[in-house]
C-alpha atoms as a PDB file:
ATOM      1  CA  UNK A   1      21.848  90.408  -3.483  1.00  0.00           C
ATOM      2  CA  UNK A   2      24.650  91.435  -5.710  1.00  0.00           C
ATOM      3  CA  UNK A   3      23.915  93.348  -9.162  1.00  0.00           C
ATOM      4  CA  UNK A   4      25.264  91.967 -12.040  1.00  0.00           C
ATOM      5  CA  UNK A   5      26.822  94.556 -14.372  1.00  0.00           C
ATOM      6  CA  UNK A   6      27.978  94.306 -18.193  1.00  0.00           C
ATOM      7  CA  UNK A   7      31.252  95.505 -19.056  1.00  0.00           C
ATOM      8  CA  UNK A   8      29.181  98.542 -21.150  1.00  0.00           C
ATOM      9  CA  UNK A   9      27.670  99.300 -18.227  1.00  0.00           C
ATOM     10  CA  UNK A  10      24.022  97.501 -18.647  1.00  0.00           C
ATOM     11  CA  UNK A  11      22.396  96.113 -15.629  1.00  0.00           C
ATOM     12  CA  UNK A  12      22.045  92.190 -15.856  1.00  0.00           C
ATOM     13  CA  UNK A  13      19.451  91.761 -12.638  1.00  0.00           C
ATOM     14  CA  UNK A  14      20.572  90.612  -9.553  1.00  0.00           C
ATOM     15  CA  UNK A  15      21.974  87.393  -7.962  1.00  0.00           C
ATOM     16  CA  UNK A  16      21.780  85.775  -4.598  1.00  0.00           C
ATOM     17  CA  UNK A  17      25.251  85.319  -2.649  1.00  0.00           C
ATOM     18  CA  UNK A  18      25.249  82.177  -0.903  1.00  0.00           C
ATOM     19  CA  UNK A  19      26.779  82.431   2.652  1.00  0.00           C
ATOM     20  CA  UNK A  20      29.715  80.027   3.421  1.00  0.00           C
ATOM     21  CA  UNK A  21      28.509  77.543   5.819  1.00  0.00           C
ATOM     22  CA  UNK A  22      30.258  78.078   9.275  1.00  0.00           C
ATOM     23  CA  UNK A  23      32.649  75.483  10.296  1.00  0.00           C
ATOM     24  CA  UNK A  24      31.280  72.834  12.699  1.00  0.00           C
ATOM     25  CA  UNK A  25      34.229  72.057  14.848  1.00  0.00           C
ATOM     26  CA  UNK A  26      32.304  69.601  16.942  1.00  0.00           C
ATOM     27  CA  UNK A  27      31.291  67.375  13.862  1.00  0.00           C
ATOM     28  CA  UNK A  28      34.456  67.707  12.551  1.00  0.00           C
ATOM     29  CA  UNK A  29      36.333  66.411  15.811  1.00  0.00           C
ATOM     30  CA  UNK A  30      33.581  63.518  15.849  1.00  0.00           C
ATOM     31  CA  UNK A  31      34.341  62.513  12.426  1.00  0.00           C
ATOM     32  CA  UNK A  32      37.897  62.767  12.477  1.00  0.00           C
ATOM     33  CA  UNK A  33      37.977  60.392  15.794  1.00  0.00           C
ATOM     34  CA  UNK A  34      35.646  58.247  13.965  1.00  0.00           C
ATOM     35  CA  UNK A  35      37.887  57.443  11.341  1.00  0.00           C
ATOM     36  CA  UNK A  36      41.016  57.445  13.457  1.00  0.00           C
ATOM     37  CA  UNK A  37      39.698  54.860  16.044  1.00  0.00           C
ATOM     38  CA  UNK A  38      39.710  52.289  12.886  1.00  0.00           C
ATOM     39  CA  UNK A  39      43.095  53.414  11.526  1.00  0.00           C
ATOM     40  CA  UNK A  40      44.652  52.809  14.897  1.00  0.00           C
ATOM     41  CA  UNK A  41      42.855  49.843  15.979  1.00  0.00           C
ATOM     42  CA  UNK A  42      44.042  48.380  12.403  1.00  0.00           C
ATOM     43  CA  UNK A  43      47.312  49.506  12.381  1.00  0.00           C
ATOM     44  CA  UNK A  44      48.481  50.727  15.904  1.00  0.00           C
ATOM     45  CA  UNK A  45      49.906  54.032  16.941  1.00  0.00           C
ATOM     46  CA  UNK A  46      53.302  53.227  14.905  1.00  0.00           C
ATOM     47  CA  UNK A  47      51.373  52.450  11.980  1.00  0.00           C
ATOM     48  CA  UNK A  48      48.645  54.978  11.609  1.00  0.00           C
ATOM     49  CA  UNK A  49      49.107  57.700   9.134  1.00  0.00           C
ATOM     50  CA  UNK A  50      47.670  61.042   9.859  1.00  0.00           C
ATOM     51  CA  UNK A  51      47.507  61.799   6.190  1.00  0.00           C
ATOM     52  CA  UNK A  52      45.512  58.548   5.349  1.00  0.00           C
ATOM     53  CA  UNK A  53      42.971  59.994   8.402  1.00  0.00           C
ATOM     54  CA  UNK A  54      42.982  63.270   6.874  1.00  0.00           C
ATOM     55  CA  UNK A  55      42.399  62.308   3.173  1.00  0.00           C
ATOM     56  CA  UNK A  56      39.247  59.927   4.772  1.00  0.00           C
ATOM     57  CA  UNK A  57      37.775  63.020   6.755  1.00  0.00           C
ATOM     58  CA  UNK A  58      38.220  65.626   3.929  1.00  0.00           C
ATOM     59  CA  UNK A  59      40.269  67.597   6.214  1.00  0.00           C
ATOM     60  CA  UNK A  60      43.926  68.564   6.632  1.00  0.00           C
ATOM     61  CA  UNK A  61      46.489  67.614   8.619  1.00  0.00           C
ATOM     62  CA  UNK A  62      46.938  71.027   9.971  1.00  0.00           C
ATOM     63  CA  UNK A  63      43.042  70.713  11.319  1.00  0.00           C
ATOM     64  CA  UNK A  64      43.884  67.704  12.946  1.00  0.00           C
ATOM     65  CA  UNK A  65      46.755  68.763  14.669  1.00  0.00           C
ATOM     66  CA  UNK A  66      45.038  72.052  15.624  1.00  0.00           C
ATOM     67  CA  UNK A  67      42.070  70.135  17.313  1.00  0.00           C
ATOM     68  CA  UNK A  68      44.351  67.195  18.862  1.00  0.00           C
ATOM     69  CA  UNK A  69      48.141  68.647  19.168  1.00  0.00           C
ATOM     70  CA  UNK A  70      49.702  65.818  17.621  1.00  0.00           C
ATOM     71  CA  UNK A  71      49.402  62.120  16.529  1.00  0.00           C
ATOM     72  CA  UNK A  72      49.886  60.753  20.035  1.00  0.00           C
ATOM     73  CA  UNK A  73      47.050  63.622  21.388  1.00  0.00           C
ATOM     74  CA  UNK A  74      44.484  61.999  18.673  1.00  0.00           C
ATOM     75  CA  UNK A  75      45.235  58.327  19.654  1.00  0.00           C
ATOM     76  CA  UNK A  76      44.577  59.225  23.291  1.00  0.00           C
ATOM     77  CA  UNK A  77      41.690  61.281  22.430  1.00  0.00           C
ATOM     78  CA  UNK A  78      40.471  57.934  20.501  1.00  0.00           C
ATOM     79  CA  UNK A  79      41.012  55.678  23.717  1.00  0.00           C
ATOM     80  CA  UNK A  80      39.250  58.232  25.599  1.00  0.00           C
ATOM     81  CA  UNK A  81      36.282  58.085  23.362  1.00  0.00           C
ATOM     82  CA  UNK A  82      36.434  54.506  23.399  1.00  0.00           C
ATOM     83  CA  UNK A  83      35.962  53.993  26.845  1.00  0.00           C
ATOM     84  CA  UNK A  84      33.485  56.799  27.318  1.00  0.00           C
ATOM     85  CA  UNK A  85      31.062  55.233  24.677  1.00  0.00           C
ATOM     86  CA  UNK A  86      30.972  51.580  26.489  1.00  0.00           C
ATOM     87  CA  UNK A  87      30.603  53.281  30.019  1.00  0.00           C
ATOM     88  CA  UNK A  88      27.904  55.332  28.774  1.00  0.00           C
ATOM     89  CA  UNK A  89      26.138  52.515  27.422  1.00  0.00           C
ATOM     90  CA  UNK A  90      26.550  50.557  30.797  1.00  0.00           C
ATOM     91  CA  UNK A  91      24.969  53.166  32.771  1.00  0.00           C
ATOM     92  CA  UNK A  92      21.853  52.775  30.827  1.00  0.00           C
ATOM     93  CA  UNK A  93      21.708  49.077  31.780  1.00  0.00           C
ATOM     94  CA  UNK A  94      19.581  49.722  34.952  1.00  0.00           C
ATOM     95  CA  UNK A  95      20.840  46.892  36.809  1.00  0.00           C
ATOM     96  CA  UNK A  96      19.227  48.268  39.807  1.00  0.00           C
ATOM     97  CA  UNK A  97      15.937  47.446  38.728  1.00  0.00           C
ATOM     98  CA  UNK A  98      16.587  43.634  38.562  1.00  0.00           C
ATOM     99  CA  UNK A  99      17.223  41.031  41.046  1.00  0.00           C
ATOM    100  CA  UNK A 100      20.998  40.466  41.735  1.00  0.00           C
ATOM    101  CA  UNK A 101      21.481  37.486  39.726  1.00  0.00           C
ATOM    102  CA  UNK A 102      19.210  38.688  36.591  1.00  0.00           C
ATOM    103  CA  UNK A 103      21.423  42.107  37.027  1.00  0.00           C
ATOM    104  CA  UNK A 104      24.530  40.255  36.846  1.00  0.00           C
ATOM    105  CA  UNK A 105      23.564  38.176  33.916  1.00  0.00           C
ATOM    106  CA  UNK A 106      22.466  41.196  31.880  1.00  0.00           C
ATOM    107  CA  UNK A 107      25.804  42.736  32.918  1.00  0.00           C
ATOM    108  CA  UNK A 108      27.780  40.076  31.649  1.00  0.00           C
ATOM    109  CA  UNK A 109      25.599  39.438  28.499  1.00  0.00           C
ATOM    110  CA  UNK A 110      26.143  43.137  27.458  1.00  0.00           C
ATOM    111  CA  UNK A 111      29.858  42.820  27.882  1.00  0.00           C
ATOM    112  CA  UNK A 112      29.941  39.890  25.781  1.00  0.00           C
ATOM    113  CA  UNK A 113      27.989  41.505  22.882  1.00  0.00           C
ATOM    114  CA  UNK A 114      29.569  44.649  23.250  1.00  0.00           C
ATOM    115  CA  UNK A 115      33.003  43.461  22.883  1.00  0.00           C
ATOM    116  CA  UNK A 116      31.687  41.263  19.774  1.00  0.00           C
ATOM    117  CA  UNK A 117      30.058  43.861  17.979  1.00  0.00           C
ATOM    118  CA  UNK A 118      33.031  46.633  18.684  1.00  0.00           C
ATOM    119  CA  UNK A 119      36.233  44.459  17.444  1.00  0.00           C
ATOM    120  CA  UNK A 120      37.906  48.380  17.260  1.00  0.00           C
ATOM    121  CA  UNK A 121      37.813  48.868  20.995  1.00  0.00           C
ATOM    122  CA  UNK A 122      39.445  45.155  21.653  1.00  0.00           C
ATOM    123  CA  UNK A 123      42.241  45.884  18.956  1.00  0.00           C
ATOM    124  CA  UNK A 124      42.955  49.203  20.860  1.00  0.00           C
ATOM    125  CA  UNK A 125      42.849  47.946  24.174  1.00  0.00           C
ATOM    126  CA  UNK A 126      45.394  45.210  23.004  1.00  0.00           C
ATOM    127  CA  UNK A 127      47.540  47.928  21.258  1.00  0.00           C
ATOM    128  CA  UNK A 128      47.684  49.770  24.349  1.00  0.00           C
ATOM    129  CA  UNK A 129      48.818  46.575  26.497  1.00  0.00           C
ATOM    130  CA  UNK A 130      51.563  46.675  23.702  1.00  0.00           C
ATOM    131  CA  UNK A 131      52.654  50.369  24.826  1.00  0.00           C
ATOM    132  CA  UNK A 132      52.385  48.772  28.561  1.00  0.00           C
ATOM    133  CA  UNK A 133      49.487  51.562  29.349  1.00  0.00           C
ATOM    134  CA  UNK A 134      51.979  54.223  28.445  1.00  0.00           C
ATOM    135  CA  UNK A 135      49.167  56.542  27.144  1.00  0.00           C
ATOM    136  CA  UNK A 136      46.204  55.325  29.092  1.00  0.00           C
ATOM    137  CA  UNK A 137      48.426  56.423  32.060  1.00  0.00           C
ATOM    138  CA  UNK A 138      48.324  59.967  30.907  1.00  0.00           C
ATOM    139  CA  UNK A 139      44.702  60.084  30.663  1.00  0.00           C
ATOM    140  CA  UNK A 140      42.795  60.987  34.025  1.00  0.00           C
ATOM    141  CA  UNK A 141      39.673  60.742  32.008  1.00  0.00           C
ATOM    142  CA  UNK A 142      39.775  57.028  31.502  1.00  0.00           C
ATOM    143  CA  UNK A 143      40.857  56.410  34.934  1.00  0.00           C
ATOM    144  CA  UNK A 144      37.668  58.277  36.210  1.00  0.00           C
ATOM    145  CA  UNK A 145      35.662  56.335  33.763  1.00  0.00           C
ATOM    146  CA  UNK A 146      36.531  52.912  35.058  1.00  0.00           C
ATOM    147  CA  UNK A 147      35.256  53.908  38.403  1.00  0.00           C
ATOM    148  CA  UNK A 148      31.703  53.587  37.691  1.00  0.00           C
ATOM    149  CA  UNK A 149      32.356  50.150  36.141  1.00  0.00           C
ATOM    150  CA  UNK A 150      33.763  48.487  39.370  1.00  0.00           C
ATOM    151  CA  UNK A 151      31.196  50.301  41.220  1.00  0.00           C
ATOM    152  CA  UNK A 152      28.424  48.606  39.072  1.00  0.00           C
ATOM    153  CA  UNK A 153      30.035  45.134  39.667  1.00  0.00           C
ATOM    154  CA  UNK A 154      30.187  46.060  43.370  1.00  0.00           C
ATOM    155  CA  UNK A 155      26.783  46.994  43.956  1.00  0.00           C
ATOM    156  CA  UNK A 156      25.233  43.999  42.013  1.00  0.00           C
ATOM    157  CA  UNK A 157      27.661  41.830  44.090  1.00  0.00           C
ATOM    158  CA  UNK A 158      26.667  43.487  47.408  1.00  0.00           C
ATOM    159  CA  UNK A 159      22.978  43.262  46.907  1.00  0.00           C
ATOM    160  CA  UNK A 160      23.477  39.655  46.228  1.00  0.00           C
ATOM    161  CA  UNK A 161      25.483  38.833  49.414  1.00  0.00           C
ATOM    162  CA  UNK A 162      22.432  40.819  51.034  1.00  0.00           C
ATOM    163  CA  UNK A 163      20.189  38.918  49.631  1.00  0.00           C
ATOM    164  CA  UNK A 164      21.533  35.637  50.507  1.00  0.00           C
ATOM    165  CA  UNK A 165      22.403  34.524  46.783  1.00  0.00           C
ATOM    166  CA  UNK A 166      26.179  35.402  46.479  1.00  0.00           C
ATOM    167  CA  UNK A 167      28.708  33.948  48.617  1.00  0.00           C
ATOM    168  CA  UNK A 168      30.833  36.572  50.699  1.00  0.00           C
ATOM    169  CA  UNK A 169      34.458  37.302  50.116  1.00  0.00           C
ATOM    170  CA  UNK A 170      34.926  38.439  46.337  1.00  0.00           C
ATOM    171  CA  UNK A 171      36.721  41.377  45.287  1.00  0.00           C
ATOM    172  CA  UNK A 172      34.551  43.372  43.000  1.00  0.00           C
ATOM    173  CA  UNK A 173      37.687  44.310  41.087  1.00  0.00           C
ATOM    174  CA  UNK A 174      38.589  40.885  40.409  1.00  0.00           C
ATOM    175  CA  UNK A 175      34.995  39.783  39.480  1.00  0.00           C
ATOM    176  CA  UNK A 176      35.302  42.840  36.593  1.00  0.00           C
ATOM    177  CA  UNK A 177      38.541  41.390  35.337  1.00  0.00           C
ATOM    178  CA  UNK A 178      37.155  37.823  35.277  1.00  0.00           C
ATOM    179  CA  UNK A 179      34.146  38.972  33.198  1.00  0.00           C
ATOM    180  CA  UNK A 180      36.234  41.153  31.011  1.00  0.00           C
ATOM    181  CA  UNK A 181      38.914  38.348  30.261  1.00  0.00           C
ATOM    182  CA  UNK A 182      36.466  35.938  29.212  1.00  0.00           C
ATOM    183  CA  UNK A 183      34.584  38.053  26.674  1.00  0.00           C
ATOM    184  CA  UNK A 184      37.820  39.481  25.617  1.00  0.00           C
ATOM    185  CA  UNK A 185      39.414  36.402  24.841  1.00  0.00           C
ATOM    186  CA  UNK A 186      36.327  35.267  22.383  1.00  0.00           C
ATOM    187  CA  UNK A 187      37.091  38.371  20.149  1.00  0.00           C
ATOM    188  CA  UNK A 188      41.151  38.568  20.578  1.00  0.00           C
ATOM    189  CA  UNK A 189      41.567  34.815  19.900  1.00  0.00           C
ATOM    190  CA  UNK A 190      38.771  34.008  17.682  1.00  0.00           C
ATOM    191  CA  UNK A 191      40.927  33.469  14.800  1.00  0.00           C
ATOM    192  CA  UNK A 192      43.868  31.524  16.150  1.00  0.00           C
ATOM    193  CA  UNK A 193      41.243  29.541  18.225  1.00  0.00           C
ATOM    194  CA  UNK A 194      39.242  28.662  15.019  1.00  0.00           C
ATOM    195  CA  UNK A 195      41.954  27.701  12.900  1.00  0.00           C
ATOM    196  CA  UNK A 196      43.423  25.634  15.806  1.00  0.00           C
ATOM    197  CA  UNK A 197      40.619  23.532  16.697  1.00  0.00           C
ATOM    198  CA  UNK A 198      38.654  23.691  13.407  1.00  0.00           C
ATOM    199  CA  UNK A 199      35.579  25.899  14.923  1.00  0.00           C
ATOM    200  CA  UNK A 200      33.643  28.603  13.273  1.00  0.00           C
ATOM    201  CA  UNK A 201      33.018  30.703  16.192  1.00  0.00           C
ATOM    202  CA  UNK A 202      31.399  33.481  14.450  1.00  0.00           C
ATOM    203  CA  UNK A 203      28.473  31.082  13.425  1.00  0.00           C
ATOM    204  CA  UNK A 204      25.390  32.257  15.509  1.00  0.00           C
ATOM    205  CA  UNK A 205      24.706  29.265  17.318  1.00  0.00           C
ATOM    206  CA  UNK A 206      28.183  28.982  18.605  1.00  0.00           C
ATOM    207  CA  UNK A 207      28.178  32.835  19.415  1.00  0.00           C
ATOM    208  CA  UNK A 208      24.793  32.079  21.431  1.00  0.00           C
ATOM    209  CA  UNK A 209      26.251  29.057  23.173  1.00  0.00           C
ATOM    210  CA  UNK A 210      29.345  30.989  24.142  1.00  0.00           C
ATOM    211  CA  UNK A 211      27.853  33.662  25.450  1.00  0.00           C
ATOM    212  CA  UNK A 212      25.482  31.543  27.507  1.00  0.00           C
ATOM    213  CA  UNK A 213      28.255  29.420  28.664  1.00  0.00           C
ATOM    214  CA  UNK A 214      30.227  32.788  29.761  1.00  0.00           C
ATOM    215  CA  UNK A 215      27.031  33.908  31.666  1.00  0.00           C
ATOM    216  CA  UNK A 216      26.872  30.747  33.833  1.00  0.00           C
ATOM    217  CA  UNK A 217      30.421  30.453  34.398  1.00  0.00           C
ATOM    218  CA  UNK A 218      30.203  33.981  36.241  1.00  0.00           C
ATOM    219  CA  UNK A 219      26.797  33.227  37.775  1.00  0.00           C
ATOM    220  CA  UNK A 220      27.781  30.018  39.393  1.00  0.00           C
ATOM    221  CA  UNK A 221      31.086  31.383  40.392  1.00  0.00           C
ATOM    222  CA  UNK A 222      29.439  33.998  42.829  1.00  0.00           C
ATOM    223  CA  UNK A 223      26.468  32.212  43.613  1.00  0.00           C
ATOM    224  CA  UNK A 224      26.181  30.839  47.323  1.00  0.00           C
END
């Protein structure tokens, strides 16, 4: 409490001083990553502007560089956060609780839905491929994150082989690649494909049909 005093020395009473709010570094970094994800996905590494990210997060370039070191450091952090997000959700699918074929269907359907609902993730992956994986190669975090993804496919596949419902001799990494490729294409090429073949690939019925088709293709490919 501080006492207010007039110039003539007469007291005007007291007023309460509002304490300054502590800086929340974790929240600030999360806000920066969210805005930066959209910026890098939309404009790529070269086209993204730190000034615009700072303005959108009501922070400063200096604070962004303090947390992430550089523009490239922020881009790498965005990549890591994007891969972390999808892997975290995958671990919550509880595929081990389902019969092998049902588990595979759930995994493929999830991949389709996630990639459709997270176009920024697709654009980031496309952009990183244009850089020939230069920044992804610098991240041990991303490389470690992808190990559980392959392990999940492998466990489902091996359970299916043991149960006699999946054929032998398939490579889990190749199977993961096939699932990703089919779902990825549906997002990455939907605009050009829609224009060329005059189809509305965003129509709910079209999405359901394409999703079911991809699930069925993968299941029939591995089924014994």
